[in-house]
Amino acid sequence: MKIPSFLQALYGPDLRLSAFTSHALSRIEDHIISTRMVFFPEYTDHGIRHIELTLQTALDFATAPARELLTPIDATALAVAVTPRRSLSPIGESE
């Protein structure tokens, strides 16, 4: 999963945050790859690319002054927070 370089630059120097972010995103990515949308998949793309675009859009909405206020923990929280929305989206055929 590609994370905007701006966010990586914030949390990257902190080894604990970097490891946490990498581990969390890896687990979420594994889940996304192993599940598929069964209802209207042509209209409900919630794959890796969708998450990457959602994260980039969230960052794009932040003004320059707001970006200056982001801390390494904020960057980690943003990177990880956009992903659970997708993992809650799939509805199985038996549900």
Protein backbone atom coordinates (compact mmCIF):
# COMPACT_ATOMS: atom_id res chain seq x y z
CA MET A 1 0.00 0.00 0.00
CA LYS A 2 1.38 3.39 -0.96
CA ILE A 3 1.37 6.05 1.73
CA PRO A 4 1.80 9.70 0.74
CA SER A 5 5.43 10.71 1.20
CA PHE A 6 4.39 13.67 3.35
CA LEU A 7 2.96 11.30 5.97
CA GLN A 8 5.86 8.87 5.73
CA ALA A 9 8.29 11.72 6.32
CA LEU A 10 6.49 12.55 9.56
CA TYR A 11 6.27 9.11 11.15
CA GLY A 12 9.21 7.47 9.38
CA PRO A 13 12.02 8.67 11.68
CA ASP A 14 10.22 7.21 14.73
CA LEU A 15 10.98 3.49 14.51
CA ARG A 16 8.09 2.49 16.77
CA LEU A 17 5.52 4.49 14.78
CA SER A 18 6.98 3.32 11.50
CA ALA A 19 6.88 -0.32 12.60
CA PHE A 20 3.34 0.02 13.95
CA THR A 21 2.11 1.68 10.75
CA SER A 22 3.81 -0.84 8.51
CA HIS A 23 2.47 -3.79 10.52
CA ALA A 24 -1.08 -2.44 10.71
CA LEU A 25 -1.24 -1.61 7.02
CA SER A 26 0.24 -4.97 6.07
CA ARG A 27 -2.42 -6.83 8.06
CA ILE A 28 -5.18 -4.70 6.58
CA GLU A 29 -3.79 -5.15 3.07
CA ASP A 30 -3.74 -8.94 3.58
CA HIS A 31 -7.38 -8.81 4.63
CA ILE A 32 -8.39 -6.72 1.63
CA ILE A 33 -6.60 -9.03 -0.79
CA SER A 34 -8.22 -12.11 0.75
CA THR A 35 -11.79 -10.76 0.66
CA ARG A 36 -13.86 -9.59 -2.22
CA MET A 37 -17.00 -7.55 -2.58
CA VAL A 38 -19.84 -9.88 -3.56
CA PHE A 39 -22.55 -7.31 -4.21
CA PHE A 40 -22.10 -4.96 -7.16
CA PRO A 41 -18.29 -5.27 -7.34
CA GLU A 42 -18.27 -3.12 -10.47
CA TYR A 43 -19.66 -0.23 -8.40
CA THR A 44 -17.96 -0.83 -5.07
CA ASP A 45 -14.21 -0.77 -5.54
CA HIS A 46 -12.82 -0.88 -2.03
CA GLY A 47 -9.46 -2.36 -2.91
CA ILE A 48 -5.98 -1.12 -2.14
CA ARG A 49 -6.12 1.62 -4.77
CA HIS A 50 -9.35 2.95 -3.26
CA ILE A 51 -7.72 3.22 0.17
CA GLU A 52 -4.67 4.93 -1.30
CA LEU A 53 -6.88 7.48 -3.04
CA THR A 54 -8.98 8.02 0.09
CA LEU A 55 -5.85 8.70 2.13
CA GLN A 56 -4.48 11.07 -0.49
CA THR A 57 -7.83 12.89 -0.65
CA ALA A 58 -7.90 13.28 3.14
CA LEU A 59 -4.42 14.76 3.01
CA ASP A 60 -5.33 17.00 0.07
CA PHE A 61 -8.14 18.53 2.11
CA ALA A 62 -5.64 19.70 4.72
CA THR A 63 -4.47 23.26 4.20
CA ALA A 64 -0.77 24.09 4.36
CA PRO A 65 -1.12 25.58 7.88
CA ALA A 66 -2.99 22.46 9.01
CA ARG A 67 -0.29 20.19 7.59
CA GLU A 68 2.31 22.11 9.57
CA LEU A 69 0.47 21.16 12.76
CA LEU A 70 0.49 17.42 12.05
CA THR A 71 2.65 15.39 14.41
CA PRO A 72 4.19 11.98 13.70
CA ILE A 73 1.39 10.38 15.74
CA ASP A 74 -1.21 12.29 13.70
CA ALA A 75 0.37 10.99 10.49
CA THR A 76 0.27 7.43 11.79
CA ALA A 77 -3.33 7.80 12.93
CA LEU A 78 -4.41 9.18 9.57
CA ALA A 79 -2.60 6.46 7.61
CA VAL A 80 -4.19 3.69 9.66
CA ALA A 81 -7.60 5.29 10.26
CA VAL A 82 -8.73 5.42 6.64
CA THR A 83 -8.41 1.65 6.25
CA PRO A 84 -10.98 0.17 8.70
CA ARG A 85 -13.79 1.81 6.77
CA ARG A 86 -13.08 -0.58 3.92
CA SER A 87 -12.74 -3.62 6.13
CA LEU A 88 -16.23 -2.92 7.49
CA SER A 89 -17.72 -2.60 4.01
CA PRO A 90 -17.86 -6.18 2.71
CA ILE A 91 -21.09 -8.03 3.16
CA GLY A 92 -20.79 -11.77 2.66
CA GLU A 93 -23.30 -13.78 0.69
CA SER A 94 -24.57 -15.42 3.86
CA GLU A 95 -25.19 -12.12 5.65
